[in-house]
Amino acid sequence: MIFKVGCVASVWAVAVPLLLSAQSQPAIRMPDNLPEPVGEEMRVSASELDTALADGNVVLLDVREPWELEKFGTRKGYINIPLGELEARLGELSKEQVVLTA
């Protein structure tokens, strides 16, 4: 019986701080008008990505929130426009380059 109580206490000791930290993170803003995910025919393969990057005619767009960039990092050369702001900020992207995002 003592082992079970200790086990439950251990679970709570780990779970409660995780839950509290998850609650304190800012929300990810999502637009109301998101399109359906693209099909396989629109996805870029690794070899296609390598070719596009070598050509230099590509913009790498990071649509995460600023707090996500701070927490998880980003890559040099990526343009950050959070997904919730993308429609209003499309004019910042080149129409002459391919825009890739993940």
PDB file of N, CA and C in Angstrom:
ATOM      1  N   MET A   1       0.813  -1.201   0.000  1.00  0.00           N
ATOM      2  CA  MET A   1       0.000   0.000   0.000  1.00  0.00           C
ATOM      3  C   MET A   1       0.855   1.263   0.000  1.00  0.00           C
ATOM      4  N   ILE A   2       1.921   1.261   0.768  1.00  0.00           N
ATOM      5  CA  ILE A   2       2.797   2.426   0.809  1.00  0.00           C
ATOM      6  C   ILE A   2       3.406   2.678  -0.576  1.00  0.00           C
ATOM      7  N   PHE A   3       3.761   1.614  -1.292  1.00  0.00           N
ATOM      8  CA  PHE A   3       4.337   1.748  -2.625  1.00  0.00           C
ATOM      9  C   PHE A   3       3.374   2.439  -3.565  1.00  0.00           C
ATOM     10  N   LYS A   4       2.087   2.104  -3.502  1.00  0.00           N
ATOM     11  CA  LYS A   4       1.097   2.725  -4.383  1.00  0.00           C
ATOM     12  C   LYS A   4       0.964   4.211  -4.079  1.00  0.00           C
ATOM     13  N   VAL A   5       0.919   4.563  -2.818  1.00  0.00           N
ATOM     14  CA  VAL A   5       0.805   5.975  -2.456  1.00  0.00           C
ATOM     15  C   VAL A   5       2.044   6.724  -2.919  1.00  0.00           C
ATOM     16  N   GLY A   6       3.208   6.133  -2.705  1.00  0.00           N
ATOM     17  CA  GLY A   6       4.447   6.762  -3.161  1.00  0.00           C
ATOM     18  C   GLY A   6       4.459   6.936  -4.663  1.00  0.00           C
ATOM     19  N   CYS A   7       3.935   5.945  -5.382  1.00  0.00           N
ATOM     20  CA  CYS A   7       3.901   6.013  -6.832  1.00  0.00           C
ATOM     21  C   CYS A   7       2.972   7.131  -7.289  1.00  0.00           C
ATOM     22  N   VAL A   8       1.801   7.228  -6.682  1.00  0.00           N
ATOM     23  CA  VAL A   8       0.854   8.291  -7.034  1.00  0.00           C
ATOM     24  C   VAL A   8       1.460   9.652  -6.710  1.00  0.00           C
ATOM     25  N   ALA A   9       2.118   9.743  -5.566  1.00  0.00           N
ATOM     26  CA  ALA A   9       2.747  11.009  -5.193  1.00  0.00           C
ATOM     27  C   ALA A   9       3.834  11.381  -6.198  1.00  0.00           C
ATOM     28  N   SER A  10       4.578  10.376  -6.661  1.00  0.00           N
ATOM     29  CA  SER A  10       5.632  10.643  -7.648  1.00  0.00           C
ATOM     30  C   SER A  10       5.035  11.128  -8.954  1.00  0.00           C
ATOM     31  N   VAL A  11       3.933  10.523  -9.366  1.00  0.00           N
ATOM     32  CA  VAL A  11       3.273  10.942 -10.599  1.00  0.00           C
ATOM     33  C   VAL A  11       2.813  12.379 -10.471  1.00  0.00           C
ATOM     34  N   TRP A  12       2.199  12.715  -9.342  1.00  0.00           N
ATOM     35  CA  TRP A  12       1.736  14.092  -9.147  1.00  0.00           C
ATOM     36  C   TRP A  12       2.897  15.068  -9.082  1.00  0.00           C
ATOM     37  N   ALA A  13       4.006  14.637  -8.490  1.00  0.00           N
ATOM     38  CA  ALA A  13       5.170  15.520  -8.392  1.00  0.00           C
ATOM     39  C   ALA A  13       5.711  15.876  -9.773  1.00  0.00           C
ATOM     40  N   VAL A  14       5.553  14.981 -10.722  1.00  0.00           N
ATOM     41  CA  VAL A  14       6.014  15.233 -12.081  1.00  0.00           C
ATOM     42  C   VAL A  14       4.917  15.906 -12.904  1.00  0.00           C
ATOM     43  N   ALA A  15       3.680  15.421 -12.791  1.00  0.00           N
ATOM     44  CA  ALA A  15       2.591  15.884 -13.653  1.00  0.00           C
ATOM     45  C   ALA A  15       2.158  17.324 -13.354  1.00  0.00           C
ATOM     46  N   VAL A  16       2.065  17.698 -12.096  1.00  0.00           N
ATOM     47  CA  VAL A  16       1.564  19.031 -11.742  1.00  0.00           C
ATOM     48  C   VAL A  16       2.455  20.146 -12.306  1.00  0.00           C
ATOM     49  N   PRO A  17       3.778  20.092 -12.139  1.00  0.00           N
ATOM     50  CA  PRO A  17       4.594  21.156 -12.749  1.00  0.00           C
ATOM     51  C   PRO A  17       4.477  21.193 -14.273  1.00  0.00           C
ATOM     52  N   LEU A  18       4.375  20.022 -14.903  1.00  0.00           N
ATOM     53  CA  LEU A  18       4.212  20.000 -16.356  1.00  0.00           C
ATOM     54  C   LEU A  18       2.893  20.638 -16.773  1.00  0.00           C
ATOM     55  N   LEU A  19       1.831  20.327 -16.062  1.00  0.00           N
ATOM     56  CA  LEU A  19       0.532  20.918 -16.382  1.00  0.00           C
ATOM     57  C   LEU A  19       0.544  22.421 -16.164  1.00  0.00           C
ATOM     58  N   LEU A  20       1.166  22.860 -15.087  1.00  0.00           N
ATOM     59  CA  LEU A  20       1.223  24.298 -14.805  1.00  0.00           C
ATOM     60  C   LEU A  20       2.044  25.032 -15.852  1.00  0.00           C
ATOM     61  N   SER A  21       3.153  24.453 -16.293  1.00  0.00           N
ATOM     62  CA  SER A  21       3.958  25.130 -17.313  1.00  0.00           C
ATOM     63  C   SER A  21       3.236  25.148 -18.646  1.00  0.00           C
ATOM     64  N   ALA A  22       2.473  24.108 -18.965  1.00  0.00           N
ATOM     65  CA  ALA A  22       1.717  24.082 -20.219  1.00  0.00           C
ATOM     66  C   ALA A  22       0.618  25.142 -20.202  1.00  0.00           C
ATOM     67  N   GLN A  23       0.012  25.365 -19.057  1.00  0.00           N
ATOM     68  CA  GLN A  23      -1.061  26.352 -18.956  1.00  0.00           C
ATOM     69  C   GLN A  23      -0.520  27.775 -19.062  1.00  0.00           C
ATOM     70  N   SER A  24       0.732  27.984 -18.658  1.00  0.00           N
ATOM     71  CA  SER A  24       1.256  29.339 -18.647  1.00  0.00           C
ATOM     72  C   SER A  24       1.827  29.765 -19.997  1.00  0.00           C
ATOM     73  N   GLN A  25       1.919  28.851 -20.977  1.00  0.00           N
ATOM     74  CA  GLN A  25       2.443  29.220 -22.288  1.00  0.00           C
ATOM     75  C   GLN A  25       1.393  29.981 -23.076  1.00  0.00           C
ATOM     76  N   PRO A  26       1.841  30.952 -23.861  1.00  0.00           N
ATOM     77  CA  PRO A  26       0.894  31.682 -24.709  1.00  0.00           C
ATOM     78  C   PRO A  26       0.231  30.740 -25.711  1.00  0.00           C
ATOM     79  N   ALA A  27      -0.908  31.129 -26.173  1.00  0.00           N
ATOM     80  CA  ALA A  27      -1.641  30.313 -27.135  1.00  0.00           C
ATOM     81  C   ALA A  27      -1.054  30.485 -28.526  1.00  0.00           C
ATOM     82  N   ILE A  28      -1.257  29.484 -29.361  1.00  0.00           N
ATOM     83  CA  ILE A  28      -0.899  29.574 -30.760  1.00  0.00           C
ATOM     84  C   ILE A  28      -2.116  30.130 -31.482  1.00  0.00           C
ATOM     85  N   ARG A  29      -1.934  31.266 -32.154  1.00  0.00           N
ATOM     86  CA  ARG A  29      -3.052  31.905 -32.844  1.00  0.00           C
ATOM     87  C   ARG A  29      -3.312  31.192 -34.164  1.00  0.00           C
ATOM     88  N   MET A  30      -4.548  30.831 -34.403  1.00  0.00           N
ATOM     89  CA  MET A  30      -4.927  30.138 -35.628  1.00  0.00           C
ATOM     90  C   MET A  30      -6.009  30.938 -36.336  1.00  0.00           C
ATOM     91  N   PRO A  31      -5.824  31.232 -37.615  1.00  0.00           N
ATOM     92  CA  PRO A  31      -6.876  31.932 -38.356  1.00  0.00           C
ATOM     93  C   PRO A  31      -8.105  31.041 -38.507  1.00  0.00           C
ATOM     94  N   ASP A  32      -9.241  31.664 -38.680  1.00  0.00           N
ATOM     95  CA  ASP A  32     -10.494  30.922 -38.830  1.00  0.00           C
ATOM     96  C   ASP A  32     -10.657  30.307 -40.213  1.00  0.00           C
ATOM     97  N   ASN A  33      -9.916  30.811 -41.185  1.00  0.00           N
ATOM     98  CA  ASN A  33     -10.137  30.393 -42.563  1.00  0.00           C
ATOM     99  C   ASN A  33      -8.997  29.544 -43.127  1.00  0.00           C
ATOM    100  N   LEU A  34      -8.462  28.620 -42.339  1.00  0.00           N
ATOM    101  CA  LEU A  34      -7.374  27.779 -42.831  1.00  0.00           C
ATOM    102  C   LEU A  34      -7.872  26.842 -43.929  1.00  0.00           C
ATOM    103  N   PRO A  35      -7.090  26.684 -44.993  1.00  0.00           N
ATOM    104  CA  PRO A  35      -7.487  25.739 -46.041  1.00  0.00           C
ATOM    105  C   PRO A  35      -7.231  24.304 -45.589  1.00  0.00           C
ATOM    106  N   GLU A  36      -7.731  23.373 -46.343  1.00  0.00           N
ATOM    107  CA  GLU A  36      -7.466  21.965 -46.064  1.00  0.00           C
ATOM    108  C   GLU A  36      -5.980  21.694 -46.294  1.00  0.00           C
ATOM    109  N   PRO A  37      -5.405  20.734 -45.588  1.00  0.00           N
ATOM    110  CA  PRO A  37      -4.002  20.386 -45.839  1.00  0.00           C
ATOM    111  C   PRO A  37      -3.797  19.965 -47.290  1.00  0.00           C
ATOM    112  N   VAL A  38      -2.611  20.228 -47.812  1.00  0.00           N
ATOM    113  CA  VAL A  38      -2.332  19.874 -49.197  1.00  0.00           C
ATOM    114  C   VAL A  38      -2.132  18.373 -49.342  1.00  0.00           C
ATOM    115  N   GLY A  39      -2.402  17.875 -50.532  1.00  0.00           N
ATOM    116  CA  GLY A  39      -2.199  16.464 -50.827  1.00  0.00           C
ATOM    117  C   GLY A  39      -0.748  16.185 -51.159  1.00  0.00           C
ATOM    118  N   GLU A  40      -0.451  14.930 -51.356  1.00  0.00           N
ATOM    119  CA  GLU A  40       0.919  14.514 -51.664  1.00  0.00           C
ATOM    120  C   GLU A  40       1.482  15.208 -52.907  1.00  0.00           C
ATOM    121  N   GLU A  41       0.614  15.510 -53.886  1.00  0.00           N
ATOM    122  CA  GLU A  41       1.086  16.136 -55.125  1.00  0.00           C
ATOM    123  C   GLU A  41       1.649  17.535 -54.897  1.00  0.00           C
ATOM    124  N   MET A  42       1.302  18.166 -53.772  1.00  0.00           N
ATOM    125  CA  MET A  42       1.787  19.514 -53.472  1.00  0.00           C
ATOM    126  C   MET A  42       2.958  19.508 -52.479  1.00  0.00           C
ATOM    127  N   ARG A  43       3.275  18.361 -51.940  1.00  0.00           N
ATOM    128  CA  ARG A  43       4.368  18.284 -50.967  1.00  0.00           C
ATOM    129  C   ARG A  43       5.717  18.263 -51.674  1.00  0.00           C
ATOM    130  N   VAL A  44       6.722  18.778 -51.000  1.00  0.00           N
ATOM    131  CA  VAL A  44       8.068  18.858 -51.559  1.00  0.00           C
ATOM    132  C   VAL A  44       8.903  17.721 -50.975  1.00  0.00           C
ATOM    133  N   SER A  45       9.524  16.947 -51.850  1.00  0.00           N
ATOM    134  CA  SER A  45      10.395  15.857 -51.394  1.00  0.00           C
ATOM    135  C   SER A  45      11.743  16.426 -50.963  1.00  0.00           C
ATOM    136  N   ALA A  46      12.514  15.623 -50.286  1.00  0.00           N
ATOM    137  CA  ALA A  46      13.835  16.068 -49.836  1.00  0.00           C
ATOM    138  C   ALA A  46      14.721  16.450 -51.019  1.00  0.00           C
ATOM    139  N   SER A  47      14.679  15.673 -52.088  1.00  0.00           N
ATOM    140  CA  SER A  47      15.523  15.988 -53.252  1.00  0.00           C
ATOM    141  C   SER A  47      15.055  17.275 -53.937  1.00  0.00           C
ATOM    142  N   GLU A  48      13.737  17.498 -54.000  1.00  0.00           N
ATOM    143  CA  GLU A  48      13.216  18.737 -54.573  1.00  0.00           C
ATOM    144  C   GLU A  48      13.623  19.941 -53.717  1.00  0.00           C
ATOM    145  N   LEU A  49      13.612  19.750 -52.408  1.00  0.00           N
ATOM    146  CA  LEU A  49      14.020  20.820 -51.496  1.00  0.00           C
ATOM    147  C   LEU A  49      15.491  21.150 -51.699  1.00  0.00           C
ATOM    148  N   ASP A  50      16.336  20.129 -51.815  1.00  0.00           N
ATOM    149  CA  ASP A  50      17.759  20.359 -52.051  1.00  0.00           C
ATOM    150  C   ASP A  50      17.974  21.150 -53.334  1.00  0.00           C
ATOM    151  N   THR A  51      17.252  20.778 -54.393  1.00  0.00           N
ATOM    152  CA  THR A  51      17.377  21.474 -55.677  1.00  0.00           C
ATOM    153  C   THR A  51      16.927  22.925 -55.556  1.00  0.00           C
ATOM    154  N   ALA A  52      15.800  23.143 -54.920  1.00  0.00           N
ATOM    155  CA  ALA A  52      15.273  24.501 -54.760  1.00  0.00           C
ATOM    156  C   ALA A  52      16.226  25.365 -53.941  1.00  0.00           C
ATOM    157  N   LEU A  53      16.778  24.803 -52.879  1.00  0.00           N
ATOM    158  CA  LEU A  53      17.717  25.568 -52.051  1.00  0.00           C
ATOM    159  C   LEU A  53      18.992  25.886 -52.822  1.00  0.00           C
ATOM    160  N   ALA A  54      19.454  24.953 -53.633  1.00  0.00           N
ATOM    161  CA  ALA A  54      20.657  25.179 -54.433  1.00  0.00           C
ATOM    162  C   ALA A  54      20.425  26.284 -55.470  1.00  0.00           C
ATOM    163  N   ASP A  55      19.208  26.354 -56.023  1.00  0.00           N
ATOM    164  CA  ASP A  55      18.880  27.396 -56.996  1.00  0.00           C
ATOM    165  C   ASP A  55      18.797  28.778 -56.347  1.00  0.00           C
ATOM    166  N   GLY A  56      18.539  28.822 -55.049  1.00  0.00           N
ATOM    167  CA  GLY A  56      18.458  30.091 -54.340  1.00  0.00           C
ATOM    168  C   GLY A  56      17.191  30.878 -54.608  1.00  0.00           C
ATOM    169  N   ASN A  57      16.224  30.264 -55.226  1.00  0.00           N
ATOM    170  CA  ASN A  57      14.981  30.962 -55.553  1.00  0.00           C
ATOM    171  C   ASN A  57      13.866  30.567 -54.586  1.00  0.00           C
ATOM    172  N   VAL A  58      14.224  30.425 -53.309  1.00  0.00           N
ATOM    173  CA  VAL A  58      13.290  29.915 -52.311  1.00  0.00           C
ATOM    174  C   VAL A  58      13.287  30.823 -51.089  1.00  0.00           C
ATOM    175  N   VAL A  59      12.107  31.047 -50.538  1.00  0.00           N
ATOM    176  CA  VAL A  59      11.944  31.725 -49.255  1.00  0.00           C
ATOM    177  C   VAL A  59      11.481  30.664 -48.265  1.00  0.00           C
ATOM    178  N   LEU A  60      12.188  30.559 -47.158  1.00  0.00           N
ATOM    179  CA  LEU A  60      11.800  29.622 -46.112  1.00  0.00           C
ATOM    180  C   LEU A  60      10.993  30.396 -45.073  1.00  0.00           C
ATOM    181  N   LEU A  61       9.735  30.036 -44.934  1.00  0.00           N
ATOM    182  CA  LEU A  61       8.802  30.763 -44.073  1.00  0.00           C
ATOM    183  C   LEU A  61       8.516  29.961 -42.818  1.00  0.00           C
ATOM    184  N   ASP A  62       8.748  30.568 -41.686  1.00  0.00           N
ATOM    185  CA  ASP A  62       8.484  29.965 -40.383  1.00  0.00           C
ATOM    186  C   ASP A  62       7.225  30.628 -39.831  1.00  0.00           C
ATOM    187  N   VAL A  63       6.154  29.868 -39.664  1.00  0.00           N
ATOM    188  CA  VAL A  63       4.868  30.442 -39.260  1.00  0.00           C
ATOM    189  C   VAL A  63       4.583  30.278 -37.762  1.00  0.00           C
ATOM    190  N   ARG A  64       5.617  29.959 -36.995  1.00  0.00           N
ATOM    191  CA  ARG A  64       5.413  29.810 -35.552  1.00  0.00           C
ATOM    192  C   ARG A  64       5.344  31.166 -34.862  1.00  0.00           C
ATOM    193  N   GLU A  65       4.802  31.162 -33.660  1.00  0.00           N
ATOM    194  CA  GLU A  65       4.695  32.364 -32.834  1.00  0.00           C
ATOM    195  C   GLU A  65       6.078  32.748 -32.304  1.00  0.00           C
ATOM    196  N   PRO A  66       6.296  34.039 -32.004  1.00  0.00           N
ATOM    197  CA  PRO A  66       7.602  34.464 -31.480  1.00  0.00           C
ATOM    198  C   PRO A  66       8.042  33.683 -30.246  1.00  0.00           C
ATOM    199  N   TRP A  67       7.111  33.368 -29.345  1.00  0.00           N
ATOM    200  CA  TRP A  67       7.509  32.625 -28.152  1.00  0.00           C
ATOM    201  C   TRP A  67       7.981  31.219 -28.511  1.00  0.00           C
ATOM    202  N   GLU A  68       7.456  30.649 -29.594  1.00  0.00           N
ATOM    203  CA  GLU A  68       7.913  29.330 -30.029  1.00  0.00           C
ATOM    204  C   GLU A  68       9.342  29.403 -30.565  1.00  0.00           C
ATOM    205  N   LEU A  69       9.659  30.494 -31.263  1.00  0.00           N
ATOM    206  CA  LEU A  69      11.020  30.674 -31.763  1.00  0.00           C
ATOM    207  C   LEU A  69      11.997  30.788 -30.604  1.00  0.00           C
ATOM    208  N   GLU A  70      11.609  31.541 -29.574  1.00  0.00           N
ATOM    209  CA  GLU A  70      12.469  31.699 -28.401  1.00  0.00           C
ATOM    210  C   GLU A  70      12.682  30.365 -27.702  1.00  0.00           C
ATOM    211  N   LYS A  71      11.624  29.581 -27.604  1.00  0.00           N
ATOM    212  CA  LYS A  71      11.707  28.315 -26.878  1.00  0.00           C
ATOM    213  C   LYS A  71      12.418  27.230 -27.683  1.00  0.00           C
ATOM    214  N   PHE A  72      12.119  27.120 -28.981  1.00  0.00           N
ATOM    215  CA  PHE A  72      12.621  26.011 -29.778  1.00  0.00           C
ATOM    216  C   PHE A  72      13.698  26.403 -30.786  1.00  0.00           C
ATOM    217  N   GLY A  73      13.899  27.696 -31.004  1.00  0.00           N
ATOM    218  CA  GLY A  73      14.908  28.148 -31.953  1.00  0.00           C
ATOM    219  C   GLY A  73      14.383  28.182 -33.375  1.00  0.00           C
ATOM    220  N   THR A  74      15.207  28.701 -34.262  1.00  0.00           N
ATOM    221  CA  THR A  74      14.859  28.796 -35.668  1.00  0.00           C
ATOM    222  C   THR A  74      16.128  28.594 -36.480  1.00  0.00           C
ATOM    223  N   ARG A  75      16.047  28.772 -37.772  1.00  0.00           N
ATOM    224  CA  ARG A  75      17.199  28.615 -38.647  1.00  0.00           C
ATOM    225  C   ARG A  75      17.552  29.963 -39.265  1.00  0.00           C
ATOM    226  N   LYS A  76      18.816  30.175 -39.516  1.00  0.00           N
ATOM    227  CA  LYS A  76      19.274  31.402 -40.146  1.00  0.00           C
ATOM    228  C   LYS A  76      18.660  31.503 -41.545  1.00  0.00           C
ATOM    229  N   GLY A  77      18.156  32.682 -41.878  1.00  0.00           N
ATOM    230  CA  GLY A  77      17.590  32.906 -43.196  1.00  0.00           C
ATOM    231  C   GLY A  77      16.087  32.701 -43.286  1.00  0.00           C
ATOM    232  N   TYR A  78      15.485  32.098 -42.285  1.00  0.00           N
ATOM    233  CA  TYR A  78      14.030  31.910 -42.297  1.00  0.00           C
ATOM    234  C   TYR A  78      13.355  33.253 -42.059  1.00  0.00           C
ATOM    235  N   ILE A  79      12.226  33.448 -42.683  1.00  0.00           N
ATOM    236  CA  ILE A  79      11.387  34.618 -42.426  1.00  0.00           C
ATOM    237  C   ILE A  79      10.293  34.165 -41.467  1.00  0.00           C
ATOM    238  N   ASN A  80      10.078  34.919 -40.401  1.00  0.00           N
ATOM    239  CA  ASN A  80       9.025  34.559 -39.450  1.00  0.00           C
ATOM    240  C   ASN A  80       7.829  35.475 -39.621  1.00  0.00           C
ATOM    241  N   ILE A  81       6.704  34.878 -39.984  1.00  0.00           N
ATOM    242  CA  ILE A  81       5.409  35.548 -39.976  1.00  0.00           C
ATOM    243  C   ILE A  81       4.462  34.563 -39.301  1.00  0.00           C
ATOM    244  N   PRO A  82       4.041  34.835 -38.067  1.00  0.00           N
ATOM    245  CA  PRO A  82       3.154  33.902 -37.383  1.00  0.00           C
ATOM    246  C   PRO A  82       1.901  33.604 -38.209  1.00  0.00           C
ATOM    247  N   LEU A  83       1.450  32.371 -38.138  1.00  0.00           N
ATOM    248  CA  LEU A  83       0.312  31.917 -38.933  1.00  0.00           C
ATOM    249  C   LEU A  83      -0.898  32.828 -38.770  1.00  0.00           C
ATOM    250  N   GLY A  84      -1.142  33.287 -37.549  1.00  0.00           N
ATOM    251  CA  GLY A  84      -2.282  34.160 -37.300  1.00  0.00           C
ATOM    252  C   GLY A  84      -2.177  35.522 -37.977  1.00  0.00           C
ATOM    253  N   GLU A  85      -0.977  35.909 -38.439  1.00  0.00           N
ATOM    254  CA  GLU A  85      -0.755  37.195 -39.103  1.00  0.00           C
ATOM    255  C   GLU A  85      -0.502  37.048 -40.602  1.00  0.00           C
ATOM    256  N   LEU A  86      -0.429  35.818 -41.083  1.00  0.00           N
ATOM    257  CA  LEU A  86       0.034  35.575 -42.447  1.00  0.00           C
ATOM    258  C   LEU A  86      -0.808  36.277 -43.506  1.00  0.00           C
ATOM    259  N   GLU A  87      -2.119  36.179 -43.426  1.00  0.00           N
ATOM    260  CA  GLU A  87      -2.969  36.794 -44.450  1.00  0.00           C
ATOM    261  C   GLU A  87      -2.723  38.298 -44.543  1.00  0.00           C
ATOM    262  N   ALA A  88      -2.605  38.954 -43.391  1.00  0.00           N
ATOM    263  CA  ALA A  88      -2.408  40.407 -43.379  1.00  0.00           C
ATOM    264  C   ALA A  88      -1.006  40.806 -43.828  1.00  0.00           C
ATOM    265  N   ARG A  89      -0.054  39.867 -43.785  1.00  0.00           N
ATOM    266  CA  ARG A  89       1.343  40.200 -44.090  1.00  0.00           C
ATOM    267  C   ARG A  89       1.864  39.545 -45.364  1.00  0.00           C
ATOM    268  N   LEU A  90       0.981  39.016 -46.194  1.00  0.00           N
ATOM    269  CA  LEU A  90       1.418  38.358 -47.428  1.00  0.00           C
ATOM    270  C   LEU A  90       2.252  39.270 -48.322  1.00  0.00           C
ATOM    271  N   GLY A  91       2.010  40.565 -48.271  1.00  0.00           N
ATOM    272  CA  GLY A  91       2.755  41.520 -49.083  1.00  0.00           C
ATOM    273  C   GLY A  91       4.244  41.555 -48.765  1.00  0.00           C
ATOM    274  N   GLU A  92       4.638  41.009 -47.621  1.00  0.00           N
ATOM    275  CA  GLU A  92       6.054  40.975 -47.247  1.00  0.00           C
ATOM    276  C   GLU A  92       6.817  39.869 -47.959  1.00  0.00           C
ATOM    277  N   LEU A  93       6.102  38.959 -48.606  1.00  0.00           N
ATOM    278  CA  LEU A  93       6.746  37.838 -49.290  1.00  0.00           C
ATOM    279  C   LEU A  93       6.909  38.131 -50.767  1.00  0.00           C
ATOM    280  N   SER A  94       8.009  37.675 -51.307  1.00  0.00           N
ATOM    281  CA  SER A  94       8.284  37.873 -52.727  1.00  0.00           C
ATOM    282  C   SER A  94       7.356  37.021 -53.588  1.00  0.00           C
ATOM    283  N   LYS A  95       6.837  37.613 -54.634  1.00  0.00           N
ATOM    284  CA  LYS A  95       6.016  36.861 -55.582  1.00  0.00           C
ATOM    285  C   LYS A  95       6.903  36.154 -56.615  1.00  0.00           C
ATOM    286  N   GLU A  96       8.184  36.485 -56.610  1.00  0.00           N
ATOM    287  CA  GLU A  96       9.114  35.933 -57.585  1.00  0.00           C
ATOM    288  C   GLU A  96       9.803  34.660 -57.080  1.00  0.00           C
ATOM    289  N   GLN A  97       9.633  34.356 -55.806  1.00  0.00           N
ATOM    290  CA  GLN A  97      10.289  33.190 -55.234  1.00  0.00           C
ATOM    291  C   GLN A  97       9.272  32.164 -54.751  1.00  0.00           C
ATOM    292  N   VAL A  98       9.715  30.923 -54.702  1.00  0.00           N
ATOM    293  CA  VAL A  98       8.905  29.848 -54.137  1.00  0.00           C
ATOM    294  C   VAL A  98       8.939  29.986 -52.627  1.00  0.00           C
ATOM    295  N   VAL A  99       7.774  29.913 -51.980  1.00  0.00           N
ATOM    296  CA  VAL A  99       7.705  30.001 -50.523  1.00  0.00           C
ATOM    297  C   VAL A  99       7.483  28.597 -49.975  1.00  0.00           C
ATOM    298  N   LEU A 100       8.394  28.158 -49.117  1.00  0.00           N
ATOM    299  CA  LEU A 100       8.275  26.847 -48.485  1.00  0.00           C
ATOM    300  C   LEU A 100       8.103  27.031 -46.999  1.00  0.00           C
ATOM    301  N   THR A 101       7.213  26.256 -46.421  1.00  0.00           N
ATOM    302  CA  THR A 101       6.993  26.285 -44.988  1.00  0.00           C
ATOM    303  C   THR A 101       6.729  24.873 -44.506  1.00  0.00           C
ATOM    304  N   ALA A 102       6.877  24.697 -43.218  1.00  0.00           N
ATOM    305  CA  ALA A 102       6.603  23.369 -42.641  1.00  0.00           C
ATOM    306  C   ALA A 102       5.580  23.520 -41.541  1.00  0.00           C
TER     307      ALA A 102
END
